[in-house]
Amino acid sequence: MPRSIRARVRCAAVALTALSASVLAGCGGGGDDSSTEDLPSQKLAWKACPAPSAAQGSGESPSPLPGGTKWQCATMKAPLDWKKSEGETIDLQLIRAEAADKDKRIGSLVFNFGGPGGSGVTTLPAFGEEYEKLRTRYDLVSFDPRGVGRSAPVTCKSDHQLDAYYQEDSTPDDAAEEKTMLEGVESFNSGCEDKSGKMLPHVRTTDAARDMELMRQVLGDDKLHYFGVSYGTELGGVYAHLFPKKVGRAVFDAVVDPTQDAEQGSLGQAKGFQRALDNFAEDCTSKTDDCPVGDSPDEVRERIAALLEKLDSKPLPGIGARELTQNAATGGIAQSLYSKDFWQYLTEGLQAAYEGDGRILMALSDSMNGRNPDGTYSNIQAANVSINCADDKPRYSVADVKAKLPEFRKASPLFGDYLAWGMVSCTGWAVDGAGAHPDVSAPGADPILVIGNTGDPATPYEGARKMAQSLGKGVGVELTYKGQGHGAYDSGDKCVRGAVDGYLLDGKVPQAGKVCS
């Protein structure tokens, strides 16, 4: 069942690196009552990183970087409630790889890869080699935000319950299906309250931004140098609003539109994912060899729509006892659109599904939902819902969704229903939302490089300009990348990398409006 297709560029990629082989083969932090007054002066005890927990996504301890540099982990104490000067604390897990050139070291470069709900502790080392040039002058640092992974993680359902939950129909066609869907949402949300009620009021983006300011102080940096991807751009924008004078060299990639409410954001994603699907269909059918899933872009779209229509009443065999439902297939297709590198999996998955085999699309759906190979789940979806619902003030009813369905369907015949019905995710949530949208105005902050990708499905290109404008004159510096997939820096484009590296390493601010293609 979709909560929303919030950006998970890194989390998705980690899960998909071994996708074909795995499918075709058979497919906390504790608290204490210490005072928070001395937290900025706490000393971090860096040591070898353990293997990721199930909530972080499982797997093995991170391997050393080229040249032998080892990843180190530590826990930082932060207030459970930032409104209290004294009281209970929680543990936040951090990871770092130290700068290669100690003599030219600038400081720490803190990463957040999005979600919300993604574990930075597992994501950064999975892609650390891509940031080796930045590591010449920075310690590469990331963290599990509060409520995520090993940082006082939010939980809502057991693994067995989640398996059943994600099999449910999230795009109801009649009153009976509506009732079942709403009961599922209510059960999930009440599970979050039962298991994690203590954390739910304290996982807002403003709380995570204050954690980053504490992190800056604990790491010993005068300013926060920052690289935010997807939701990480929203977190970075909120930090800049709260602490404009503490912003150092910062890059926002795959940018969230800070001016939109939850409905507008979902509608924008419907347009973005449809655009990405159209680009996939055009790419597949324009190749010299025949496209195995259609002879024209229209046929590709028509065959996908027909498959999803059939799956609504007749699921295909999936992985183990689980079936490929309409919901799972839609999520799997969406997951494959996060990167052009994943389009091969979409082609293979659709081709297999047309032949009655749902395993590849099911594995893509599992990646979307944070299902680990051993059947456990990371807490990315529980954290995603908890953070979104704590942030977003609007609460939507069935009547609201039905009134908007025509607009969503026009935006995307394939993803419109899926995203429109996802708007009820926060209905009945235990904690009120903070506002309609975040405030990211940051007068007086140092320049922030804001990168928009014209083919981005999850954070549509238009959001980059809105972010640059909202940050304020002289702060937001917009750069456009004419490409595909979610994000720009990790596409490997030399123009984008040159602009980002030049700013972060040498302080060279690109000309506003620069275009890379």
Protein backbone atom coordinates (compact mmCIF):
# COMPACT_ATOMS: atom_id res chain seq x y z
CA MET A 1 0.00 0.00 0.00
CA PRO A 2 1.55 3.32 -0.94
CA ARG A 3 2.23 5.87 1.71
CA SER A 4 3.71 8.16 -0.94
CA ILE A 5 6.49 7.68 -3.43
CA ARG A 6 8.90 9.85 -1.51
CA ALA A 7 12.42 9.95 -2.84
CA ARG A 8 14.67 7.10 -1.83
CA VAL A 9 17.35 7.28 -4.49
CA ARG A 10 20.11 5.70 -2.41
CA CYS A 11 17.99 3.24 -0.47
CA ALA A 12 16.53 1.99 -3.73
CA ALA A 13 19.91 1.58 -5.35
CA VAL A 14 21.38 -0.37 -2.42
CA ALA A 15 18.61 -2.93 -2.61
CA LEU A 16 18.78 -3.28 -6.38
CA THR A 17 22.51 -3.84 -6.81
CA ALA A 18 22.04 -7.61 -6.47
CA LEU A 19 18.48 -7.74 -7.75
CA SER A 20 18.74 -10.05 -10.75
CA ALA A 21 20.86 -12.65 -9.02
CA SER A 22 18.78 -12.81 -5.85
CA VAL A 23 15.43 -12.93 -7.61
CA LEU A 24 16.25 -15.44 -10.28
CA ALA A 25 18.04 -17.68 -7.78
CA GLY A 26 14.78 -18.12 -5.91
CA CYS A 27 14.31 -15.23 -4.96
CA GLY A 28 17.51 1.86 18.79
CA GLY A 29 18.61 3.94 20.50
CA GLY A 30 18.09 3.87 24.22
CA GLY A 31 17.43 6.99 26.24
CA ASP A 32 18.62 8.29 29.58
CA ASP A 33 17.76 11.13 31.89
CA SER A 34 20.98 13.13 31.61
CA SER A 35 20.97 16.87 31.14
CA THR A 36 21.11 18.20 27.58
CA GLU A 37 23.12 21.27 28.59
CA ASP A 38 26.52 19.63 27.99
CA LEU A 39 25.60 17.84 24.76
CA PRO A 40 27.57 20.19 22.42
CA SER A 41 30.78 19.28 24.26
CA GLN A 42 30.27 15.51 24.16
CA LYS A 43 33.10 13.44 22.71
CA LEU A 44 32.29 10.87 20.05
CA ALA A 45 33.83 7.42 20.50
CA TRP A 46 34.56 6.40 16.90
CA LYS A 47 35.07 2.69 16.34
CA ALA A 48 34.62 -0.03 13.72
CA CYS A 49 31.08 -0.14 12.33
CA PRO A 50 28.89 -3.14 13.13
CA ALA A 51 26.84 -4.95 10.51
CA PRO A 52 23.64 -3.03 9.75
CA SER A 53 20.62 -3.89 11.85
CA ALA A 54 17.42 -5.13 10.23
CA ALA A 55 15.94 -1.66 10.69
CA GLN A 56 18.88 -0.22 8.73
CA GLY A 57 18.45 -2.73 5.91
CA SER A 58 20.67 -5.64 7.12
CA GLY A 59 23.81 -6.79 5.30
CA GLU A 60 27.50 -6.82 6.16
CA SER A 61 29.76 -4.29 7.83
CA PRO A 62 30.99 -1.65 5.37
CA SER A 63 34.13 -2.52 3.43
CA PRO A 64 37.13 -0.18 3.50
CA LEU A 65 37.42 2.45 0.78
CA PRO A 66 40.08 2.20 -1.95
CA GLY A 67 43.42 2.76 -0.29
CA GLY A 68 42.29 1.09 2.91
CA THR A 69 40.44 3.88 4.74
CA LYS A 70 37.99 2.26 7.15
CA TRP A 71 34.54 3.47 8.03
CA GLN A 72 34.01 4.45 11.66
CA CYS A 73 30.77 4.68 13.62
CA ALA A 74 29.77 6.51 16.78
CA THR A 75 26.67 7.50 18.70
CA MET A 76 25.74 11.08 19.54
CA LYS A 77 23.29 11.97 22.26
CA ALA A 78 20.50 14.42 21.42
CA PRO A 79 17.44 15.59 23.34
CA LEU A 80 14.31 13.55 22.84
CA ASP A 81 12.36 16.81 23.05
CA TRP A 82 14.15 19.91 21.78
CA LYS A 83 11.72 22.14 23.66
CA LYS A 84 13.19 21.01 26.97
CA SER A 85 16.61 22.18 28.11
CA GLU A 86 16.91 19.15 30.35
CA GLY A 87 15.45 15.71 30.09
CA GLU A 88 15.69 12.40 28.34
CA THR A 89 18.13 11.91 25.48
CA ILE A 90 18.22 9.54 22.52
CA ASP A 91 21.20 8.05 20.70
CA LEU A 92 21.79 8.97 17.05
CA GLN A 93 24.17 6.80 15.04
CA LEU A 94 26.81 8.47 12.86
CA ILE A 95 29.31 7.15 10.33
CA ARG A 96 32.42 8.75 8.85
CA ALA A 97 35.42 8.23 6.60
CA GLU A 98 38.22 10.64 7.42
CA ALA A 99 39.65 13.09 4.89
CA ALA A 100 42.54 11.84 2.79
CA ASP A 101 44.54 15.10 2.87
CA LYS A 102 44.69 16.18 6.51
CA ASP A 103 46.70 19.31 5.67
CA LYS A 104 44.01 20.64 3.31
CA ARG A 105 41.02 19.35 5.28
CA ILE A 106 38.07 21.79 5.27
CA GLY A 107 35.96 19.95 7.83
CA SER A 108 33.08 17.47 7.78
CA LEU A 109 30.70 17.08 4.83
CA VAL A 110 27.39 15.81 6.20
CA PHE A 111 25.12 13.80 3.87
CA ASN A 112 21.41 13.06 4.03
CA PHE A 113 20.19 10.83 1.19
CA GLY A 114 16.46 11.25 1.58
CA GLY A 115 13.37 9.24 2.34
CA PRO A 116 12.47 10.54 4.78
CA GLY A 117 13.44 7.34 6.53
CA GLY A 118 16.60 6.28 4.74
CA SER A 119 19.60 5.14 6.78
CA GLY A 120 22.59 7.33 6.04
CA VAL A 121 24.80 4.93 8.00
CA THR A 122 24.22 2.17 5.45
CA THR A 123 23.82 4.37 2.36
CA LEU A 124 27.00 6.46 2.53
CA PRO A 125 29.45 3.52 2.54
CA ALA A 126 27.47 1.74 -0.18
CA PHE A 127 28.28 4.63 -2.52
CA GLY A 128 31.32 6.08 -0.81
CA GLU A 129 33.63 5.57 -3.79
CA GLU A 130 31.59 8.11 -5.76
CA TYR A 131 32.56 10.77 -3.23
CA GLU A 132 36.28 9.98 -3.10
CA LYS A 133 37.20 13.29 -4.71
CA LEU A 134 35.24 15.14 -2.03
CA ARG A 135 36.99 13.06 0.63
CA THR A 136 40.31 14.65 -0.32
CA ARG A 137 39.32 17.67 1.79
CA TYR A 138 36.37 16.50 3.90
CA ASP A 139 35.54 13.83 6.40
CA LEU A 140 32.53 12.16 4.78
CA VAL A 141 29.82 11.94 7.45
CA SER A 142 26.26 10.67 7.50
CA PHE A 143 23.77 9.56 10.11
CA ASP A 144 20.51 7.83 10.83
CA PRO A 145 18.07 10.66 11.56
CA ARG A 146 15.91 10.30 14.66
CA GLY A 147 13.30 7.60 14.17
CA VAL A 148 15.43 5.84 11.54
CA GLY A 149 17.64 2.75 11.57
CA ARG A 150 19.66 2.69 14.79
CA SER A 151 18.54 6.16 15.95
CA ALA A 152 15.56 5.43 18.21
CA PRO A 153 13.76 3.73 15.29
CA VAL A 154 10.01 3.98 14.83
CA THR A 155 8.25 0.64 14.32
CA CYS A 156 4.63 -0.02 13.40
CA LYS A 157 4.07 -3.64 12.39
CA SER A 158 5.76 -7.03 12.59
CA ASP A 159 7.45 -8.40 9.49
CA HIS A 160 4.64 -10.90 8.98
CA GLN A 161 2.04 -8.15 9.31
CA LEU A 162 3.91 -5.99 6.80
CA ASP A 163 3.95 -8.83 4.27
CA ALA A 164 0.16 -8.95 4.50
CA TYR A 165 -0.20 -5.17 4.54
CA TYR A 166 1.70 -4.67 1.30
CA GLN A 167 -0.50 -7.27 -0.40
CA GLU A 168 -3.61 -5.18 0.21
CA ASP A 169 -5.35 -3.20 -2.52
CA SER A 170 -4.57 0.50 -2.16
CA THR A 171 -6.63 1.75 -5.12
CA PRO A 172 -10.20 0.77 -4.18
CA ASP A 173 -12.89 0.41 -6.84
CA ASP A 174 -15.98 0.22 -4.64
CA ALA A 175 -17.26 0.90 -1.13
CA ALA A 176 -16.21 -2.50 0.21
CA GLU A 177 -12.64 -2.03 -1.01
CA GLU A 178 -12.58 1.51 0.39
CA LYS A 179 -13.57 0.17 3.80
CA THR A 180 -10.86 -2.49 3.71
CA MET A 181 -8.21 0.02 2.64
CA LEU A 182 -9.10 2.51 5.36
CA GLU A 183 -9.07 -0.26 7.96
CA GLY A 184 -5.57 -1.13 6.79
CA VAL A 185 -4.40 2.47 7.14
CA GLU A 186 -5.99 2.71 10.58
CA SER A 187 -4.34 -0.53 11.68
CA PHE A 188 -0.92 0.59 10.45
CA ASN A 189 -1.20 3.99 12.09
CA SER A 190 -2.45 2.62 15.38
CA GLY A 191 0.45 0.16 15.30
CA CYS A 192 2.86 3.09 15.04
CA GLU A 193 1.22 4.72 18.06
CA ASP A 194 1.24 1.50 20.10
CA LYS A 195 4.86 0.63 19.38
CA SER A 196 6.44 4.08 19.02
CA GLY A 197 4.06 6.63 20.52
CA LYS A 198 6.83 8.17 22.58
CA MET A 199 8.84 9.09 19.45
CA LEU A 200 6.03 10.23 17.15
CA PRO A 201 5.84 13.87 18.40
CA HIS A 202 9.62 14.24 18.05
CA VAL A 203 10.47 13.13 14.51
CA ARG A 204 9.66 16.34 12.65
CA THR A 205 12.14 17.74 10.17
CA THR A 206 12.74 20.68 12.50
CA ASP A 207 13.89 18.19 15.16
CA ALA A 208 16.30 16.55 12.71
CA ALA A 209 17.60 19.99 11.66
CA ARG A 210 18.35 20.84 15.29
CA ASP A 211 20.13 17.48 15.57
CA MET A 212 22.33 18.54 12.65
CA GLU A 213 23.21 21.80 14.37
CA LEU A 214 24.22 19.83 17.45
CA MET A 215 26.18 17.50 15.18
CA ARG A 216 28.05 20.45 13.69
CA GLN A 217 29.13 21.53 17.15
CA VAL A 218 30.09 18.04 18.27
CA LEU A 219 32.11 17.48 15.08
CA GLY A 220 33.96 20.73 15.77
CA ASP A 221 33.02 22.62 12.60
CA ASP A 222 32.41 26.36 12.50
CA LYS A 223 29.80 25.89 9.76
CA LEU A 224 27.78 22.95 8.46
CA HIS A 225 29.01 21.77 5.07
CA TYR A 226 26.19 19.70 3.66
CA PHE A 227 25.12 17.49 0.74
CA GLY A 228 21.37 16.82 0.72
CA VAL A 229 19.62 14.51 -1.74
CA SER A 230 15.84 14.40 -2.26
CA TYR A 231 14.14 14.80 1.16
CA GLY A 232 17.64 15.73 2.30
CA THR A 233 17.13 19.01 0.43
CA GLU A 234 14.06 19.76 2.52
CA LEU A 235 15.98 18.94 5.67
CA GLY A 236 18.83 21.17 4.49
CA GLY A 237 16.42 23.99 3.68
CA VAL A 238 14.85 23.81 7.13
CA TYR A 239 18.32 23.83 8.71
CA ALA A 240 19.25 26.90 6.63
CA HIS A 241 16.08 28.66 7.80
CA LEU A 242 16.76 27.91 11.46
CA PHE A 243 20.53 28.52 11.37
CA PRO A 244 21.33 30.70 8.32
CA LYS A 245 24.63 31.97 9.71
CA LYS A 246 25.86 28.41 10.26
CA VAL A 247 25.39 27.29 6.64
CA GLY A 248 28.71 26.49 4.98
CA ARG A 249 29.17 25.09 1.49
CA ALA A 250 25.95 23.24 0.72
CA VAL A 251 24.53 21.32 -2.24
CA PHE A 252 20.88 20.32 -2.75
CA ASP A 253 20.36 17.60 -5.39
CA ALA A 254 16.98 16.12 -6.49
CA VAL A 255 15.17 19.00 -4.91
CA VAL A 256 11.87 18.91 -3.02
CA ASP A 257 9.51 21.80 -3.83
CA PRO A 258 9.13 23.57 -0.46
CA THR A 259 6.09 25.57 -1.59
CA GLN A 260 3.80 22.56 -2.06
CA ASP A 261 1.48 20.91 0.43
CA ALA A 262 1.06 17.12 0.53
CA GLU A 263 -1.62 17.08 -2.18
CA GLN A 264 0.37 19.28 -4.54
CA GLY A 265 3.47 17.21 -3.91
CA SER A 266 1.65 13.97 -4.72
CA LEU A 267 0.18 15.48 -7.88
CA GLY A 268 3.63 16.68 -8.91
CA GLN A 269 4.98 13.18 -8.40
CA ALA A 270 2.18 11.74 -10.55
CA LYS A 271 3.34 13.99 -13.37
CA GLY A 272 6.99 13.20 -12.68
CA PHE A 273 6.62 9.43 -12.66
CA GLN A 274 4.43 9.52 -15.76
CA ARG A 275 7.08 11.60 -17.52
CA ALA A 276 9.75 9.11 -16.48
CA LEU A 277 7.64 6.19 -17.73
CA ASP A 278 7.12 7.96 -21.04
CA ASN A 279 10.88 8.48 -21.29
CA PHE A 280 11.44 4.78 -20.60
CA ALA A 281 8.93 3.77 -23.27
CA GLU A 282 10.49 6.14 -25.81
CA ASP A 283 13.99 4.90 -24.99
CA CYS A 284 13.07 1.22 -25.26
CA THR A 285 11.22 1.52 -28.55
CA SER A 286 13.79 3.81 -30.18
CA LYS A 287 16.64 1.31 -29.93
CA THR A 288 17.84 -0.59 -32.98
CA ASP A 289 16.70 -3.94 -31.58
CA ASP A 290 13.03 -4.61 -30.97
CA CYS A 291 11.74 -3.45 -27.58
CA PRO A 292 10.55 -6.65 -25.83
CA VAL A 293 7.67 -4.89 -24.07
CA GLY A 294 6.11 -3.02 -27.00
CA ASP A 295 6.65 -1.79 -30.53
CA SER A 296 5.79 1.86 -29.81
CA PRO A 297 5.61 4.10 -26.74
CA ASP A 298 1.81 3.91 -26.84
CA GLU A 299 1.90 0.12 -26.96
CA VAL A 300 4.31 -0.03 -24.02
CA ARG A 301 1.94 2.12 -21.95
CA GLU A 302 -1.13 0.19 -23.09
CA ARG A 303 0.39 -3.18 -22.24
CA ILE A 304 1.43 -1.97 -18.78
CA ALA A 305 -2.08 -0.61 -18.14
CA ALA A 306 -3.60 -3.90 -19.27
CA LEU A 307 -1.26 -5.86 -16.99
CA LEU A 308 -2.18 -3.74 -13.96
CA GLU A 309 -5.88 -4.03 -14.76
CA LYS A 310 -5.57 -7.82 -14.88
CA LEU A 311 -3.58 -7.98 -11.66
CA ASP A 312 -6.35 -6.13 -9.82
CA SER A 313 -8.44 -9.33 -9.85
CA LYS A 314 -5.91 -12.02 -10.75
CA PRO A 315 -2.44 -11.63 -9.15
CA LEU A 316 0.56 -13.50 -10.51
CA PRO A 317 2.88 -15.81 -8.56
CA GLY A 318 5.49 -13.65 -6.89
CA ILE A 319 8.18 -14.63 -4.41
CA GLY A 320 7.44 -17.53 -2.09
CA ALA A 321 3.84 -17.45 -0.95
CA ARG A 322 3.45 -13.77 -1.78
CA GLU A 323 1.69 -12.76 -4.99
CA LEU A 324 2.35 -9.94 -7.41
CA THR A 325 -0.73 -7.80 -6.89
CA GLN A 326 -1.69 -4.65 -8.78
CA ASN A 327 -0.35 -2.65 -5.87
CA ALA A 328 2.99 -4.47 -5.77
CA ALA A 329 3.44 -4.18 -9.54
CA THR A 330 2.73 -0.45 -9.52
CA GLY A 331 5.24 0.06 -6.72
CA GLY A 332 7.81 -2.07 -8.53
CA ILE A 333 7.40 -0.07 -11.73
CA ALA A 334 7.77 3.18 -9.79
CA GLN A 335 10.90 1.89 -8.08
CA SER A 336 12.53 1.08 -11.42
CA LEU A 337 12.05 4.66 -12.62
CA TYR A 338 14.35 6.14 -9.97
CA SER A 339 17.37 5.65 -12.22
CA LYS A 340 17.95 5.01 -15.90
CA ASP A 341 20.27 2.23 -14.74
CA PHE A 342 17.19 0.42 -13.40
CA TRP A 343 15.27 0.52 -16.68
CA GLN A 344 16.75 -2.86 -17.64
CA TYR A 345 15.05 -4.37 -14.58
CA LEU A 346 11.75 -2.83 -15.62
CA THR A 347 12.08 -4.33 -19.10
CA GLU A 348 12.99 -7.73 -17.66
CA GLY A 349 10.24 -7.53 -15.04
CA LEU A 350 7.52 -6.59 -17.51
CA GLN A 351 8.62 -9.25 -20.00
CA ALA A 352 8.55 -11.88 -17.25
CA ALA A 353 5.15 -10.71 -15.97
CA TYR A 354 3.63 -10.95 -19.45
CA GLU A 355 4.78 -14.59 -19.37
CA GLY A 356 3.20 -15.18 -15.94
CA ASP A 357 6.27 -14.66 -13.71
CA GLY A 358 5.95 -11.86 -11.16
CA ARG A 359 9.23 -12.32 -9.29
CA ILE A 360 11.24 -9.41 -10.72
CA LEU A 361 8.50 -6.82 -10.29
CA MET A 362 7.90 -8.27 -6.83
CA ALA A 363 11.56 -7.80 -5.92
CA LEU A 364 11.39 -4.20 -7.14
CA SER A 365 8.33 -3.69 -4.96
CA ASP A 366 10.16 -5.23 -2.01
CA SER A 367 12.94 -2.70 -2.54
CA MET A 368 10.39 0.12 -2.44
CA ASN A 369 9.00 -1.19 0.84
CA GLY A 370 12.34 -1.90 2.52
CA ARG A 371 12.00 -5.70 2.62
CA ASN A 372 15.33 -7.37 3.33
CA PRO A 373 16.38 -10.64 1.64
CA ASP A 374 15.75 -12.59 4.85
CA GLY A 375 12.14 -11.45 5.06
CA THR A 376 12.69 -8.78 7.69
CA TYR A 377 11.93 -5.14 6.93
CA SER A 378 13.96 -2.01 7.40
CA ASN A 379 12.00 0.73 9.11
CA ILE A 380 12.14 3.09 6.11
CA GLN A 381 8.37 3.01 5.55
CA ALA A 382 7.47 3.34 9.22
CA ALA A 383 9.85 6.29 9.53
CA ASN A 384 8.66 7.75 6.22
CA VAL A 385 5.04 7.82 7.35
CA SER A 386 5.89 9.05 10.85
CA ILE A 387 8.03 11.95 9.63
CA ASN A 388 5.67 12.94 6.84
CA CYS A 389 2.63 12.90 9.11
CA ALA A 390 4.45 14.86 11.82
CA ASP A 391 5.46 17.46 9.22
CA ASP A 392 2.33 17.73 7.05
CA LYS A 393 -0.68 19.51 8.54
CA PRO A 394 -3.38 18.52 5.99
CA ARG A 395 -5.46 15.41 6.64
CA TYR A 396 -7.40 14.04 3.67
CA SER A 397 -10.66 12.10 3.53
CA VAL A 398 -12.07 9.67 0.99
CA ALA A 399 -14.23 12.51 -0.33
CA ASP A 400 -11.12 14.65 -0.82
CA VAL A 401 -9.44 11.88 -2.79
CA LYS A 402 -12.48 11.23 -4.99
CA ALA A 403 -12.76 14.93 -5.79
CA LYS A 404 -9.14 14.99 -6.92
CA LEU A 405 -9.02 11.66 -8.78
CA PRO A 406 -9.82 13.15 -12.22
CA GLU A 407 -6.91 15.59 -11.90
CA PHE A 408 -4.53 12.86 -10.75
CA ARG A 409 -5.63 10.51 -13.54
CA LYS A 410 -5.08 13.24 -16.10
CA ALA A 411 -1.59 13.80 -14.71
CA SER A 412 -0.83 10.08 -14.85
CA PRO A 413 -3.10 7.31 -16.14
CA LEU A 414 -0.75 4.79 -14.52
CA PHE A 415 0.22 6.37 -11.18
CA GLY A 416 -2.68 8.78 -10.60
CA ASP A 417 -4.92 6.51 -8.50
CA TYR A 418 -1.93 5.11 -6.62
CA LEU A 419 -0.73 8.53 -5.50
CA ALA A 420 -4.15 10.06 -4.94
CA TRP A 421 -5.23 7.32 -2.53
CA GLY A 422 -1.88 7.57 -0.77
CA MET A 423 -3.05 10.97 0.51
CA VAL A 424 -5.13 9.25 3.23
CA SER A 425 -1.95 7.91 4.86
CA CYS A 426 -2.03 10.45 7.70
CA THR A 427 -5.77 10.26 8.35
CA GLY A 428 -6.25 9.56 12.05
CA TRP A 429 -2.55 10.01 12.84
CA ALA A 430 -1.79 10.36 16.54
CA VAL A 431 0.19 13.62 16.18
CA ASP A 432 -0.87 16.85 14.50
CA GLY A 433 1.15 17.95 11.48
CA ALA A 434 3.40 20.98 11.85
CA GLY A 435 2.37 22.94 8.76
CA ALA A 436 1.25 22.94 5.15
CA HIS A 437 4.83 23.15 3.88
CA PRO A 438 8.30 23.87 5.29
CA ASP A 439 9.79 27.33 5.67
CA VAL A 440 13.21 27.40 4.02
CA SER A 441 13.83 31.14 3.74
CA ALA A 442 17.42 31.72 4.79
CA PRO A 443 18.43 35.38 4.48
CA GLY A 444 22.12 35.88 5.15
CA ALA A 445 23.11 32.27 4.48
CA ASP A 446 26.07 31.41 2.28
CA PRO A 447 25.21 30.32 -1.29
CA ILE A 448 23.48 26.95 -1.64
CA LEU A 449 23.83 25.12 -4.97
CA VAL A 450 20.39 23.79 -6.00
CA ILE A 451 20.37 21.16 -8.78
CA GLY A 452 17.26 20.15 -10.74
CA ASN A 453 17.09 17.17 -13.13
CA THR A 454 14.62 17.61 -16.00
CA GLY A 455 13.80 13.87 -16.03
CA ASP A 456 13.47 13.37 -12.27
CA PRO A 457 10.34 11.32 -11.41
CA ALA A 458 10.23 11.67 -7.63
CA THR A 459 11.23 15.31 -7.18
CA PRO A 460 10.15 16.97 -10.43
CA TYR A 461 12.51 19.50 -11.97
CA GLU A 462 10.25 22.48 -11.28
CA GLY A 463 10.91 22.15 -7.55
CA ALA A 464 14.53 23.24 -7.88
CA ARG A 465 13.58 26.73 -9.00
CA LYS A 466 10.99 27.01 -6.23
CA MET A 467 13.62 26.00 -3.68
CA ALA A 468 16.17 28.47 -5.03
CA GLN A 469 13.60 31.28 -4.94
CA SER A 470 12.39 30.32 -1.45
CA LEU A 471 15.89 30.25 0.02
CA GLY A 472 16.18 33.89 -0.98
CA LYS A 473 18.11 36.21 -3.24
CA GLY A 474 21.80 35.52 -3.18
CA VAL A 475 21.34 32.21 -1.38
CA GLY A 476 19.78 29.72 -3.80
CA VAL A 477 21.91 29.19 -6.93
CA GLU A 478 20.09 27.05 -9.50
CA LEU A 479 21.77 24.57 -11.83
CA THR A 480 19.85 22.49 -14.40
CA TYR A 481 20.80 18.97 -15.50
CA LYS A 482 19.07 17.68 -18.63
CA GLY A 483 19.04 14.00 -17.74
CA GLN A 484 17.04 11.04 -16.47
CA GLY A 485 16.54 9.50 -13.04
CA HIS A 486 16.41 10.81 -9.52
CA GLY A 487 19.26 13.20 -8.83
CA ALA A 488 22.12 14.56 -10.91
CA TYR A 489 25.52 14.24 -9.20
CA ASP A 490 25.51 10.47 -9.22
CA SER A 491 24.63 10.32 -12.91
CA GLY A 492 28.35 10.83 -13.43
CA ASP A 493 27.77 13.84 -15.68
CA LYS A 494 31.10 15.69 -15.88
CA CYS A 495 29.46 19.12 -16.03
CA VAL A 496 27.41 18.52 -12.86
CA ARG A 497 30.31 16.96 -11.00
CA GLY A 498 32.63 19.76 -12.01
CA ALA A 499 30.22 22.39 -10.69
CA VAL A 500 29.58 20.56 -7.39
CA ASP A 501 33.20 19.63 -6.77
CA GLY A 502 34.35 23.11 -7.67
CA TYR A 503 32.04 24.63 -5.08
CA LEU A 504 32.53 22.15 -2.27
CA LEU A 505 36.30 21.81 -2.67
CA ASP A 506 37.35 25.26 -3.88
CA GLY A 507 34.43 27.55 -3.01
CA LYS A 508 33.71 28.42 -6.66
CA VAL A 509 30.00 29.25 -6.93
CA PRO A 510 28.64 28.34 -10.40
CA GLN A 511 26.84 31.00 -12.38
CA ALA A 512 23.12 30.99 -11.53
CA GLY A 513 21.11 29.36 -14.31
CA LYS A 514 23.95 27.12 -15.51
CA VAL A 515 22.72 24.19 -17.66
CA CYS A 516 24.41 20.78 -17.95
CA SER A 517 23.25 18.43 -20.69
